[in-house]
Amino acid sequence: MSATTAGRPRDPEVDRRVLRAAVTRYADHGWAAFSVDAVARLACVGKAAIYLRWPTKEALLGAALADGVPLVLDTDTGTLRGDLLALARQLLVHHLGAEGQALRRLGVEYLTIPDVAEAWETHRRSRLEAARAMIRRGIERGEIRRDTSPTLLLDALCGGVMIHTTSTPDARRGDIDVDGYAERLVTFLLRAVE
């Protein structure tokens, strides 16, 4: 005899709405104003639907950030330039969305949020390792100097993206040419390390 689960299956659309609402709520108001009740209202779902999926607000925020801020994929386009362009585009898209504001808040608050700090630190470290692997491959292929610091190159790329997106007035953020800026930034950085 096979066991069956009672009730109807979970609706994946509810999961998506809740996770998007959680990122938006956190981005707009920070941890102090983050609550399951506020997320439920924003997602137009009942609190019970959220608690069935995530037992605490910490678990909800952790899941929302992991879903909304995916890992940098350790893919190899065949060139360091192609890898850095893909990374720059991904970062620009994230920083221009609600995820960007959430990331900036998290950078300041994550150590004070119970049960989120360790998970976020693991997520952050794996993203950095994937990005560093791109730089190391470029060094091994002879595309950039052997003495190039992967950390400094990534700091310059990520910092350039963050400063550009945060210093652009809100009314003009929609005008940012993601591909064009990524191209100009990567070209500039690669000239410094060739």
C-alpha atoms as a PDB file:
ATOM      1  CA  MET A   1       0.000   0.000   0.000  1.00  0.00           C
ATOM      2  CA  SER A   2       1.469   3.384  -0.937  1.00  0.00           C
ATOM      3  CA  ALA A   3       1.246   6.425   1.292  1.00  0.00           C
ATOM      4  CA  THR A   4      -0.383   9.541  -0.075  1.00  0.00           C
ATOM      5  CA  THR A   5      -0.238  13.041   1.248  1.00  0.00           C
ATOM      6  CA  ALA A   6      -3.421  14.730   2.342  1.00  0.00           C
ATOM      7  CA  GLY A   7      -4.572  18.003   0.880  1.00  0.00           C
ATOM      8  CA  ARG A   8      -3.840  19.628  -2.405  1.00  0.00           C
ATOM      9  CA  PRO A   9      -0.307  20.077  -3.698  1.00  0.00           C
ATOM     10  CA  ARG A  10       1.512  23.347  -3.098  1.00  0.00           C
ATOM     11  CA  ASP A  11       1.116  25.993  -5.744  1.00  0.00           C
ATOM     12  CA  PRO A  12       4.579  26.989  -7.046  1.00  0.00           C
ATOM     13  CA  GLU A  13       3.161  30.382  -8.035  1.00  0.00           C
ATOM     14  CA  VAL A  14       2.461  31.086  -4.346  1.00  0.00           C
ATOM     15  CA  ASP A  15       6.094  30.236  -3.560  1.00  0.00           C
ATOM     16  CA  ARG A  16       7.313  32.670  -6.250  1.00  0.00           C
ATOM     17  CA  ARG A  17       4.998  35.467  -5.099  1.00  0.00           C
ATOM     18  CA  VAL A  18       6.009  35.049  -1.467  1.00  0.00           C
ATOM     19  CA  LEU A  19       9.742  34.960  -2.236  1.00  0.00           C
ATOM     20  CA  ARG A  20       9.496  38.068  -4.455  1.00  0.00           C
ATOM     21  CA  ALA A  21       7.436  39.846  -1.805  1.00  0.00           C
ATOM     22  CA  ALA A  22       9.964  38.920   0.883  1.00  0.00           C
ATOM     23  CA  VAL A  23      12.865  40.382  -1.125  1.00  0.00           C
ATOM     24  CA  THR A  24      10.844  43.529  -1.856  1.00  0.00           C
ATOM     25  CA  ARG A  25       9.780  43.973   1.770  1.00  0.00           C
ATOM     26  CA  TYR A  26      13.319  43.508   3.033  1.00  0.00           C
ATOM     27  CA  ALA A  27      14.757  45.798   0.328  1.00  0.00           C
ATOM     28  CA  ASP A  28      12.279  48.576   1.105  1.00  0.00           C
ATOM     29  CA  HIS A  29      12.191  48.383   4.912  1.00  0.00           C
ATOM     30  CA  GLY A  30      15.069  46.266   6.255  1.00  0.00           C
ATOM     31  CA  TRP A  31      15.101  43.632   8.966  1.00  0.00           C
ATOM     32  CA  ALA A  32      13.465  45.759  11.675  1.00  0.00           C
ATOM     33  CA  ALA A  33      10.233  45.979   9.655  1.00  0.00           C
ATOM     34  CA  PHE A  34      10.414  42.523   8.088  1.00  0.00           C
ATOM     35  CA  SER A  35       7.592  40.235   9.228  1.00  0.00           C
ATOM     36  CA  VAL A  36       5.643  37.276   7.921  1.00  0.00           C
ATOM     37  CA  ASP A  37       2.475  39.342   8.230  1.00  0.00           C
ATOM     38  CA  ALA A  38       3.875  42.154   6.046  1.00  0.00           C
ATOM     39  CA  VAL A  39       5.147  39.679   3.435  1.00  0.00           C
ATOM     40  CA  ALA A  40       1.790  37.865   3.407  1.00  0.00           C
ATOM     41  CA  ARG A  41      -0.045  41.141   2.732  1.00  0.00           C
ATOM     42  CA  LEU A  42       2.361  42.091  -0.047  1.00  0.00           C
ATOM     43  CA  ALA A  43       2.120  38.634  -1.666  1.00  0.00           C
ATOM     44  CA  CYS A  44      -1.678  38.467  -1.198  1.00  0.00           C
ATOM     45  CA  VAL A  45      -1.511  35.128   0.626  1.00  0.00           C
ATOM     46  CA  GLY A  46      -2.424  33.985   4.092  1.00  0.00           C
ATOM     47  CA  LYS A  47       0.223  33.762   6.806  1.00  0.00           C
ATOM     48  CA  ALA A  48      -0.529  30.052   7.165  1.00  0.00           C
ATOM     49  CA  ALA A  49       0.611  29.451   3.569  1.00  0.00           C
ATOM     50  CA  ILE A  50       3.956  31.035   4.421  1.00  0.00           C
ATOM     51  CA  TYR A  51       4.404  29.173   7.711  1.00  0.00           C
ATOM     52  CA  LEU A  52       3.701  25.874   5.923  1.00  0.00           C
ATOM     53  CA  ARG A  53       6.708  26.554   3.723  1.00  0.00           C
ATOM     54  CA  TRP A  54       9.036  28.489   6.052  1.00  0.00           C
ATOM     55  CA  PRO A  55       8.724  28.061   9.834  1.00  0.00           C
ATOM     56  CA  THR A  56      10.314  31.410  10.762  1.00  0.00           C
ATOM     57  CA  LYS A  57      10.821  34.839   9.264  1.00  0.00           C
ATOM     58  CA  GLU A  58      14.563  34.131   9.245  1.00  0.00           C
ATOM     59  CA  ALA A  59      14.001  31.006   7.143  1.00  0.00           C
ATOM     60  CA  LEU A  60      11.733  32.988   4.816  1.00  0.00           C
ATOM     61  CA  LEU A  61      14.287  35.758   4.309  1.00  0.00           C
ATOM     62  CA  GLY A  62      17.107  33.265   3.791  1.00  0.00           C
ATOM     63  CA  ALA A  63      15.115  31.378   1.150  1.00  0.00           C
ATOM     64  CA  ALA A  64      14.034  34.607  -0.560  1.00  0.00           C
ATOM     65  CA  LEU A  65      17.587  35.916  -0.806  1.00  0.00           C
ATOM     66  CA  ALA A  66      18.974  32.595  -2.011  1.00  0.00           C
ATOM     67  CA  ASP A  67      16.247  32.479  -4.673  1.00  0.00           C
ATOM     68  CA  GLY A  68      16.480  36.162  -5.638  1.00  0.00           C
ATOM     69  CA  VAL A  69      20.264  36.359  -5.675  1.00  0.00           C
ATOM     70  CA  PRO A  70      21.448  33.291  -7.560  1.00  0.00           C
ATOM     71  CA  LEU A  71      24.991  32.038  -7.477  1.00  0.00           C
ATOM     72  CA  VAL A  72      27.464  33.253 -10.034  1.00  0.00           C
ATOM     73  CA  LEU A  73      27.682  30.280 -12.329  1.00  0.00           C
ATOM     74  CA  ASP A  74      31.160  28.912 -12.813  1.00  0.00           C
ATOM     75  CA  THR A  75      30.758  28.702 -16.556  1.00  0.00           C
ATOM     76  CA  ASP A  76      33.550  29.043 -19.047  1.00  0.00           C
ATOM     77  CA  THR A  77      32.674  31.016 -22.166  1.00  0.00           C
ATOM     78  CA  GLY A  78      36.152  30.296 -23.510  1.00  0.00           C
ATOM     79  CA  THR A  79      37.570  33.724 -22.709  1.00  0.00           C
ATOM     80  CA  LEU A  80      38.030  35.786 -19.569  1.00  0.00           C
ATOM     81  CA  ARG A  81      36.409  38.689 -21.389  1.00  0.00           C
ATOM     82  CA  GLY A  82      33.278  36.619 -22.049  1.00  0.00           C
ATOM     83  CA  ASP A  83      33.186  35.384 -18.447  1.00  0.00           C
ATOM     84  CA  LEU A  84      33.575  38.906 -17.024  1.00  0.00           C
ATOM     85  CA  LEU A  85      30.953  40.314 -19.392  1.00  0.00           C
ATOM     86  CA  ALA A  86      28.477  37.658 -18.243  1.00  0.00           C
ATOM     87  CA  LEU A  87      29.290  38.400 -14.608  1.00  0.00           C
ATOM     88  CA  ALA A  88      29.015  42.172 -15.082  1.00  0.00           C
ATOM     89  CA  ARG A  89      25.648  41.833 -16.812  1.00  0.00           C
ATOM     90  CA  GLN A  90      24.328  39.561 -14.080  1.00  0.00           C
ATOM     91  CA  LEU A  91      25.472  41.977 -11.368  1.00  0.00           C
ATOM     92  CA  LEU A  92      23.987  44.977 -13.163  1.00  0.00           C
ATOM     93  CA  VAL A  93      20.603  43.294 -13.523  1.00  0.00           C
ATOM     94  CA  HIS A  94      20.586  42.348  -9.844  1.00  0.00           C
ATOM     95  CA  HIS A  95      21.683  45.772  -8.635  1.00  0.00           C
ATOM     96  CA  LEU A  96      19.032  47.482 -10.743  1.00  0.00           C
ATOM     97  CA  GLY A  97      16.256  45.310  -9.287  1.00  0.00           C
ATOM     98  CA  ALA A  98      14.875  44.950  -5.772  1.00  0.00           C
ATOM     99  CA  GLU A  99      17.652  42.416  -5.160  1.00  0.00           C
ATOM    100  CA  GLY A 100      20.223  45.212  -5.309  1.00  0.00           C
ATOM    101  CA  GLN A 101      18.693  47.175  -2.456  1.00  0.00           C
ATOM    102  CA  ALA A 102      18.234  43.931  -0.513  1.00  0.00           C
ATOM    103  CA  LEU A 103      21.907  43.056  -1.056  1.00  0.00           C
ATOM    104  CA  ARG A 104      23.045  46.464   0.137  1.00  0.00           C
ATOM    105  CA  ARG A 105      20.920  46.145   3.278  1.00  0.00           C
ATOM    106  CA  LEU A 106      22.106  42.616   3.855  1.00  0.00           C
ATOM    107  CA  GLY A 107      25.726  43.697   3.616  1.00  0.00           C
ATOM    108  CA  VAL A 108      25.123  45.885   6.661  1.00  0.00           C
ATOM    109  CA  GLU A 109      22.596  43.790   8.591  1.00  0.00           C
ATOM    110  CA  TYR A 110      23.315  40.123   7.950  1.00  0.00           C
ATOM    111  CA  LEU A 111      25.463  39.546  11.033  1.00  0.00           C
ATOM    112  CA  THR A 112      22.608  40.755  13.239  1.00  0.00           C
ATOM    113  CA  ILE A 113      19.920  38.512  11.733  1.00  0.00           C
ATOM    114  CA  PRO A 114      19.652  35.200  13.568  1.00  0.00           C
ATOM    115  CA  ASP A 115      19.969  32.093  11.386  1.00  0.00           C
ATOM    116  CA  VAL A 116      20.670  34.147   8.255  1.00  0.00           C
ATOM    117  CA  ALA A 117      24.318  35.114   8.781  1.00  0.00           C
ATOM    118  CA  GLU A 118      25.795  31.629   8.374  1.00  0.00           C
ATOM    119  CA  ALA A 119      23.663  30.703   5.364  1.00  0.00           C
ATOM    120  CA  TRP A 120      24.355  34.035   3.663  1.00  0.00           C
ATOM    121  CA  GLU A 121      28.097  33.784   4.339  1.00  0.00           C
ATOM    122  CA  THR A 122      28.163  30.315   2.734  1.00  0.00           C
ATOM    123  CA  HIS A 123      26.196  31.623  -0.266  1.00  0.00           C
ATOM    124  CA  ARG A 124      28.500  34.650  -0.581  1.00  0.00           C
ATOM    125  CA  ARG A 125      31.685  32.565  -0.350  1.00  0.00           C
ATOM    126  CA  SER A 126      30.528  30.158  -3.065  1.00  0.00           C
ATOM    127  CA  ARG A 127      29.702  33.113  -5.357  1.00  0.00           C
ATOM    128  CA  LEU A 128      33.167  34.572  -4.781  1.00  0.00           C
ATOM    129  CA  GLU A 129      34.878  31.237  -5.433  1.00  0.00           C
ATOM    130  CA  ALA A 130      33.044  30.842  -8.732  1.00  0.00           C
ATOM    131  CA  ALA A 131      34.077  34.346  -9.787  1.00  0.00           C
ATOM    132  CA  ARG A 132      37.701  33.814  -8.726  1.00  0.00           C
ATOM    133  CA  ALA A 133      37.786  30.614 -10.798  1.00  0.00           C
ATOM    134  CA  MET A 134      36.985  32.736 -13.873  1.00  0.00           C
ATOM    135  CA  ILE A 135      40.007  34.959 -13.188  1.00  0.00           C
ATOM    136  CA  ARG A 136      42.316  31.991 -12.519  1.00  0.00           C
ATOM    137  CA  ARG A 137      41.325  30.425 -15.847  1.00  0.00           C
ATOM    138  CA  GLY A 138      42.133  33.693 -17.606  1.00  0.00           C
ATOM    139  CA  ILE A 139      45.555  33.748 -15.964  1.00  0.00           C
ATOM    140  CA  GLU A 140      46.224  30.123 -16.931  1.00  0.00           C
ATOM    141  CA  ARG A 141      45.205  30.803 -20.541  1.00  0.00           C
ATOM    142  CA  GLY A 142      47.631  33.730 -20.637  1.00  0.00           C
ATOM    143  CA  GLU A 143      44.864  36.310 -21.206  1.00  0.00           C
ATOM    144  CA  ILE A 144      46.055  38.496 -18.339  1.00  0.00           C
ATOM    145  CA  ARG A 145      49.267  38.899 -16.366  1.00  0.00           C
ATOM    146  CA  ARG A 146      50.177  36.144 -13.903  1.00  0.00           C
ATOM    147  CA  ASP A 147      50.537  38.670 -11.073  1.00  0.00           C
ATOM    148  CA  THR A 148      46.918  39.806 -11.431  1.00  0.00           C
ATOM    149  CA  SER A 149      45.062  39.685  -8.133  1.00  0.00           C
ATOM    150  CA  PRO A 150      41.672  37.964  -8.617  1.00  0.00           C
ATOM    151  CA  THR A 151      40.407  39.802  -5.528  1.00  0.00           C
ATOM    152  CA  LEU A 152      41.374  43.271  -6.802  1.00  0.00           C
ATOM    153  CA  LEU A 153      39.988  42.599 -10.269  1.00  0.00           C
ATOM    154  CA  LEU A 154      36.681  41.409  -8.816  1.00  0.00           C
ATOM    155  CA  ASP A 155      36.586  44.302  -6.333  1.00  0.00           C
ATOM    156  CA  ALA A 156      36.958  46.734  -9.234  1.00  0.00           C
ATOM    157  CA  LEU A 157      34.281  44.986 -11.312  1.00  0.00           C
ATOM    158  CA  CYS A 158      31.749  44.598  -8.494  1.00  0.00           C
ATOM    159  CA  GLY A 159      32.511  48.044  -7.077  1.00  0.00           C
ATOM    160  CA  GLY A 160      32.125  49.632 -10.500  1.00  0.00           C
ATOM    161  CA  VAL A 161      28.739  48.015 -10.945  1.00  0.00           C
ATOM    162  CA  MET A 162      27.553  48.987  -7.471  1.00  0.00           C
ATOM    163  CA  ILE A 163      28.709  52.610  -7.692  1.00  0.00           C
ATOM    164  CA  HIS A 164      27.251  53.033 -11.167  1.00  0.00           C
ATOM    165  CA  THR A 165      23.846  51.656 -10.212  1.00  0.00           C
ATOM    166  CA  THR A 166      23.590  53.421  -6.855  1.00  0.00           C
ATOM    167  CA  SER A 167      24.808  56.809  -8.109  1.00  0.00           C
ATOM    168  CA  THR A 168      22.395  56.868 -11.048  1.00  0.00           C
ATOM    169  CA  PRO A 169      19.272  58.847 -10.079  1.00  0.00           C
ATOM    170  CA  ASP A 170      16.176  56.691  -9.651  1.00  0.00           C
ATOM    171  CA  ALA A 171      14.448  58.418 -12.569  1.00  0.00           C
ATOM    172  CA  ARG A 172      17.293  57.366 -14.892  1.00  0.00           C
ATOM    173  CA  ARG A 173      17.982  53.833 -13.657  1.00  0.00           C
ATOM    174  CA  GLY A 174      15.727  52.392 -16.351  1.00  0.00           C
ATOM    175  CA  ASP A 175      17.929  54.099 -18.953  1.00  0.00           C
ATOM    176  CA  ILE A 176      21.091  52.217 -17.947  1.00  0.00           C
ATOM    177  CA  ASP A 177      22.398  50.279 -20.933  1.00  0.00           C
ATOM    178  CA  VAL A 178      23.356  47.030 -19.187  1.00  0.00           C
ATOM    179  CA  ASP A 179      25.236  45.554 -22.160  1.00  0.00           C
ATOM    180  CA  GLY A 180      26.952  48.824 -23.034  1.00  0.00           C
ATOM    181  CA  TYR A 181      28.104  49.553 -19.497  1.00  0.00           C
ATOM    182  CA  ALA A 182      29.282  45.975 -18.973  1.00  0.00           C
ATOM    183  CA  GLU A 183      31.285  46.196 -22.207  1.00  0.00           C
ATOM    184  CA  ARG A 184      32.919  49.514 -21.247  1.00  0.00           C
ATOM    185  CA  LEU A 185      33.700  48.388 -17.680  1.00  0.00           C
ATOM    186  CA  VAL A 186      35.224  45.042 -18.683  1.00  0.00           C
ATOM    187  CA  THR A 187      37.265  46.638 -21.485  1.00  0.00           C
ATOM    188  CA  PHE A 188      38.633  49.212 -19.043  1.00  0.00           C
ATOM    189  CA  LEU A 189      39.539  46.592 -16.425  1.00  0.00           C
ATOM    190  CA  LEU A 190      41.164  44.188 -18.858  1.00  0.00           C
ATOM    191  CA  ARG A 191      43.391  46.951 -20.261  1.00  0.00           C
ATOM    192  CA  ALA A 192      44.802  47.377 -16.759  1.00  0.00           C
ATOM    193  CA  VAL A 193      45.821  43.717 -16.408  1.00  0.00           C
ATOM    194  CA  GLU A 194      46.799  42.648 -19.939  1.00  0.00           C
END
